[in-house]
């Protein structure tokens, strides 16, 4: 075989391995499954450390907050169900989402709760302090001499 054919075969194998890794990571029963090519089973990786800008630090804090939020588990459970439903019935899913969007615009549920009520609920939330602390610790993360590599 020529060099181009070898390179094509290697890239195809790399793509197939990447797909298998992704499927194992998202497979709920794949936690105990043996890895394909002798590699360690995938484990949950923390988000990458923030960059130097304040926006990066805020995004990092929000990612850390979402990682431990109770609704995150509901989203992770609902995602595969919705994906399989979307594969089987894409037009119905589009119709349902258009109907829900139209109902939201027609009913205007945001008028039921005032903005000050939402802000007071956010400030009183016990998770707000963890988001602020996460943002502050992210600011010092790059300067920390004992940070993990």
C-alpha atoms as a PDB file:
ATOM      1  CA  UNK A   1       0.000   0.000   0.000  1.00  0.00           C
ATOM      2  CA  UNK A   2       1.055   3.562  -0.527  1.00  0.00           C
ATOM      3  CA  UNK A   3       1.671   6.124   2.195  1.00  0.00           C
ATOM      4  CA  UNK A   4      -1.637   7.825   1.427  1.00  0.00           C
ATOM      5  CA  UNK A   5      -3.547   4.552   1.846  1.00  0.00           C
ATOM      6  CA  UNK A   6      -1.800   3.866   5.167  1.00  0.00           C
ATOM      7  CA  UNK A   7      -2.586   7.360   6.400  1.00  0.00           C
ATOM      8  CA  UNK A   8      -6.226   6.961   5.349  1.00  0.00           C
ATOM      9  CA  UNK A   9      -6.484   3.614   7.160  1.00  0.00           C
ATOM     10  CA  UNK A  10      -4.944   5.087  10.337  1.00  0.00           C
ATOM     11  CA  UNK A  11      -7.301   8.058  10.306  1.00  0.00           C
ATOM     12  CA  UNK A  12     -10.301   5.756   9.819  1.00  0.00           C
ATOM     13  CA  UNK A  13      -9.210   3.665  12.801  1.00  0.00           C
ATOM     14  CA  UNK A  14      -8.748   6.793  14.893  1.00  0.00           C
ATOM     15  CA  UNK A  15     -12.251   7.969  13.994  1.00  0.00           C
ATOM     16  CA  UNK A  16     -13.761   4.586  14.880  1.00  0.00           C
ATOM     17  CA  UNK A  17     -11.924   4.531  18.229  1.00  0.00           C
ATOM     18  CA  UNK A  18     -13.098   8.059  18.999  1.00  0.00           C
ATOM     19  CA  UNK A  19     -16.702   7.097  18.256  1.00  0.00           C
ATOM     20  CA  UNK A  20     -16.424   4.035  20.495  1.00  0.00           C
ATOM     21  CA  UNK A  21     -14.957   6.153  23.292  1.00  0.00           C
ATOM     22  CA  UNK A  22     -17.831   8.633  22.984  1.00  0.00           C
ATOM     23  CA  UNK A  23     -20.419   5.839  23.029  1.00  0.00           C
ATOM     24  CA  UNK A  24     -18.848   4.293  26.136  1.00  0.00           C
ATOM     25  CA  UNK A  25     -18.785   7.675  27.852  1.00  0.00           C
ATOM     26  CA  UNK A  26     -22.510   8.239  27.175  1.00  0.00           C
ATOM     27  CA  UNK A  27     -23.573   4.608  27.709  1.00  0.00           C
ATOM     28  CA  UNK A  28     -25.185   4.323  31.165  1.00  0.00           C
ATOM     29  CA  UNK A  29     -24.344   0.631  31.388  1.00  0.00           C
ATOM     30  CA  UNK A  30     -20.880   1.068  29.930  1.00  0.00           C
ATOM     31  CA  UNK A  31     -19.327   2.028  33.262  1.00  0.00           C
ATOM     32  CA  UNK A  32     -18.457  -1.556  34.043  1.00  0.00           C
ATOM     33  CA  UNK A  33     -17.702  -2.493  30.450  1.00  0.00           C
ATOM     34  CA  UNK A  34     -14.154  -3.316  29.456  1.00  0.00           C
ATOM     35  CA  UNK A  35     -12.387  -0.677  27.362  1.00  0.00           C
ATOM     36  CA  UNK A  36     -11.689  -1.450  23.708  1.00  0.00           C
ATOM     37  CA  UNK A  37      -7.992  -0.963  23.152  1.00  0.00           C
ATOM     38  CA  UNK A  38      -6.658  -1.652  26.647  1.00  0.00           C
ATOM     39  CA  UNK A  39      -7.056   1.920  27.779  1.00  0.00           C
ATOM     40  CA  UNK A  40      -8.406   2.969  31.141  1.00  0.00           C
ATOM     41  CA  UNK A  41     -12.164   3.473  31.327  1.00  0.00           C
ATOM     42  CA  UNK A  42     -13.180   7.095  30.819  1.00  0.00           C
ATOM     43  CA  UNK A  43     -13.904   9.072  33.953  1.00  0.00           C
ATOM     44  CA  UNK A  44     -15.509  12.410  34.451  1.00  0.00           C
ATOM     45  CA  UNK A  45     -13.003  15.143  33.746  1.00  0.00           C
ATOM     46  CA  UNK A  46     -13.220  18.506  35.508  1.00  0.00           C
ATOM     47  CA  UNK A  47     -13.660  21.513  33.282  1.00  0.00           C
ATOM     48  CA  UNK A  48     -10.430  23.101  32.077  1.00  0.00           C
ATOM     49  CA  UNK A  49      -9.010  25.879  34.221  1.00  0.00           C
ATOM     50  CA  UNK A  50     -10.154  29.373  33.332  1.00  0.00           C
ATOM     51  CA  UNK A  51      -8.277  31.695  31.047  1.00  0.00           C
ATOM     52  CA  UNK A  52      -6.902  35.063  32.007  1.00  0.00           C
ATOM     53  CA  UNK A  53      -9.972  37.229  31.337  1.00  0.00           C
ATOM     54  CA  UNK A  54     -12.788  37.893  33.780  1.00  0.00           C
ATOM     55  CA  UNK A  55     -15.337  36.458  31.338  1.00  0.00           C
ATOM     56  CA  UNK A  56     -13.420  33.144  31.295  1.00  0.00           C
ATOM     57  CA  UNK A  57     -13.471  33.066  35.077  1.00  0.00           C
ATOM     58  CA  UNK A  58     -17.199  33.739  35.229  1.00  0.00           C
ATOM     59  CA  UNK A  59     -17.830  31.009  32.647  1.00  0.00           C
ATOM     60  CA  UNK A  60     -15.688  28.628  34.698  1.00  0.00           C
ATOM     61  CA  UNK A  61     -17.673  29.452  37.834  1.00  0.00           C
ATOM     62  CA  UNK A  62     -20.967  28.882  36.025  1.00  0.00           C
ATOM     63  CA  UNK A  63     -19.715  25.535  34.624  1.00  0.00           C
ATOM     64  CA  UNK A  64     -18.695  24.439  38.110  1.00  0.00           C
ATOM     65  CA  UNK A  65     -22.069  25.525  39.482  1.00  0.00           C
ATOM     66  CA  UNK A  66     -23.937  23.645  36.736  1.00  0.00           C
ATOM     67  CA  UNK A  67     -21.817  20.545  37.288  1.00  0.00           C
ATOM     68  CA  UNK A  68     -23.288  20.108  40.778  1.00  0.00           C
ATOM     69  CA  UNK A  69     -26.761  21.522  40.132  1.00  0.00           C
ATOM     70  CA  UNK A  70     -29.664  19.078  40.713  1.00  0.00           C
ATOM     71  CA  UNK A  71     -31.234  19.911  37.344  1.00  0.00           C
ATOM     72  CA  UNK A  72     -28.045  18.795  35.574  1.00  0.00           C
ATOM     73  CA  UNK A  73     -28.908  15.169  36.305  1.00  0.00           C
ATOM     74  CA  UNK A  74     -32.375  15.624  34.812  1.00  0.00           C
ATOM     75  CA  UNK A  75     -30.833  17.078  31.668  1.00  0.00           C
ATOM     76  CA  UNK A  76     -28.383  14.174  31.405  1.00  0.00           C
ATOM     77  CA  UNK A  77     -31.218  11.662  31.774  1.00  0.00           C
ATOM     78  CA  UNK A  78     -33.493  13.448  29.311  1.00  0.00           C
ATOM     79  CA  UNK A  79     -30.842  13.992  26.630  1.00  0.00           C
ATOM     80  CA  UNK A  80     -30.556  10.368  25.375  1.00  0.00           C
ATOM     81  CA  UNK A  81     -34.331   9.953  25.491  1.00  0.00           C
ATOM     82  CA  UNK A  82     -34.885  13.088  23.425  1.00  0.00           C
ATOM     83  CA  UNK A  83     -32.082  12.134  21.019  1.00  0.00           C
ATOM     84  CA  UNK A  84     -33.604   8.738  20.316  1.00  0.00           C
ATOM     85  CA  UNK A  85     -37.074  10.304  19.948  1.00  0.00           C
ATOM     86  CA  UNK A  86     -35.633  12.922  17.569  1.00  0.00           C
ATOM     87  CA  UNK A  87     -34.044  10.176  15.454  1.00  0.00           C
ATOM     88  CA  UNK A  88     -37.340   8.292  15.188  1.00  0.00           C
ATOM     89  CA  UNK A  89     -39.789  11.226  14.897  1.00  0.00           C
ATOM     90  CA  UNK A  90     -37.996  14.441  13.894  1.00  0.00           C
ATOM     91  CA  UNK A  91     -41.080  16.152  12.445  1.00  0.00           C
ATOM     92  CA  UNK A  92     -43.179  15.420  15.541  1.00  0.00           C
ATOM     93  CA  UNK A  93     -40.437  16.765  17.801  1.00  0.00           C
ATOM     94  CA  UNK A  94     -40.247  19.924  15.716  1.00  0.00           C
ATOM     95  CA  UNK A  95     -44.039  20.307  15.918  1.00  0.00           C
ATOM     96  CA  UNK A  96     -44.046  19.770  19.685  1.00  0.00           C
ATOM     97  CA  UNK A  97     -41.270  22.323  20.200  1.00  0.00           C
ATOM     98  CA  UNK A  98     -43.084  24.860  17.981  1.00  0.00           C
ATOM     99  CA  UNK A  99     -46.273  24.287  19.970  1.00  0.00           C
ATOM    100  CA  UNK A 100     -44.498  24.751  23.302  1.00  0.00           C
ATOM    101  CA  UNK A 101     -42.834  27.910  22.001  1.00  0.00           C
ATOM    102  CA  UNK A 102     -46.160  29.292  20.775  1.00  0.00           C
ATOM    103  CA  UNK A 103     -47.783  28.473  24.123  1.00  0.00           C
ATOM    104  CA  UNK A 104     -45.000  30.299  25.965  1.00  0.00           C
ATOM    105  CA  UNK A 105     -45.417  33.379  23.785  1.00  0.00           C
ATOM    106  CA  UNK A 106     -49.208  33.297  24.108  1.00  0.00           C
ATOM    107  CA  UNK A 107     -49.394  32.611  27.869  1.00  0.00           C
ATOM    108  CA  UNK A 108     -46.431  34.841  28.845  1.00  0.00           C
ATOM    109  CA  UNK A 109     -45.579  33.027  32.088  1.00  0.00           C
ATOM    110  CA  UNK A 110     -42.778  35.492  32.884  1.00  0.00           C
ATOM    111  CA  UNK A 111     -45.435  38.075  33.764  1.00  0.00           C
ATOM    112  CA  UNK A 112     -46.562  35.943  36.709  1.00  0.00           C
ATOM    113  CA  UNK A 113     -43.319  36.460  38.621  1.00  0.00           C
ATOM    114  CA  UNK A 114     -41.716  39.843  39.110  1.00  0.00           C
ATOM    115  CA  UNK A 115     -38.042  40.385  38.414  1.00  0.00           C
ATOM    116  CA  UNK A 116     -37.395  41.435  42.003  1.00  0.00           C
ATOM    117  CA  UNK A 117     -38.816  38.129  43.265  1.00  0.00           C
ATOM    118  CA  UNK A 118     -36.429  36.223  41.026  1.00  0.00           C
ATOM    119  CA  UNK A 119     -33.467  38.360  42.121  1.00  0.00           C
ATOM    120  CA  UNK A 120     -34.316  37.898  45.812  1.00  0.00           C
ATOM    121  CA  UNK A 121     -34.587  34.135  45.289  1.00  0.00           C
ATOM    122  CA  UNK A 122     -31.199  34.083  43.560  1.00  0.00           C
ATOM    123  CA  UNK A 123     -29.538  36.135  46.290  1.00  0.00           C
ATOM    124  CA  UNK A 124     -31.054  33.975  49.034  1.00  0.00           C
ATOM    125  CA  UNK A 125     -29.938  30.821  47.257  1.00  0.00           C
ATOM    126  CA  UNK A 126     -27.256  28.895  49.078  1.00  0.00           C
ATOM    127  CA  UNK A 127     -25.624  28.100  45.761  1.00  0.00           C
ATOM    128  CA  UNK A 128     -24.885  31.732  44.981  1.00  0.00           C
ATOM    129  CA  UNK A 129     -22.098  31.759  47.528  1.00  0.00           C
ATOM    130  CA  UNK A 130     -20.536  28.670  45.948  1.00  0.00           C
ATOM    131  CA  UNK A 131     -20.623  30.333  42.498  1.00  0.00           C
ATOM    132  CA  UNK A 132     -18.960  33.460  43.868  1.00  0.00           C
ATOM    133  CA  UNK A 133     -16.343  31.415  45.730  1.00  0.00           C
ATOM    134  CA  UNK A 134     -15.693  29.358  42.608  1.00  0.00           C
ATOM    135  CA  UNK A 135     -15.170  32.533  40.572  1.00  0.00           C
ATOM    136  CA  UNK A 136     -12.817  33.925  43.206  1.00  0.00           C
ATOM    137  CA  UNK A 137     -10.833  30.693  43.444  1.00  0.00           C
ATOM    138  CA  UNK A 138     -10.633  30.568  39.658  1.00  0.00           C
ATOM    139  CA  UNK A 139      -9.043  34.002  39.729  1.00  0.00           C
ATOM    140  CA  UNK A 140      -6.227  32.686  41.924  1.00  0.00           C
ATOM    141  CA  UNK A 141      -5.955  29.305  40.211  1.00  0.00           C
ATOM    142  CA  UNK A 142      -3.257  30.353  37.755  1.00  0.00           C
ATOM    143  CA  UNK A 143      -1.140  31.951  40.478  1.00  0.00           C
ATOM    144  CA  UNK A 144      -1.383  28.929  42.803  1.00  0.00           C
ATOM    145  CA  UNK A 145       2.106  27.317  42.958  1.00  0.00           C
ATOM    146  CA  UNK A 146       0.690  24.009  44.238  1.00  0.00           C
ATOM    147  CA  UNK A 147      -2.033  23.580  41.617  1.00  0.00           C
ATOM    148  CA  UNK A 148      -2.355  20.082  40.133  1.00  0.00           C
ATOM    149  CA  UNK A 149      -0.904  19.562  36.696  1.00  0.00           C
END
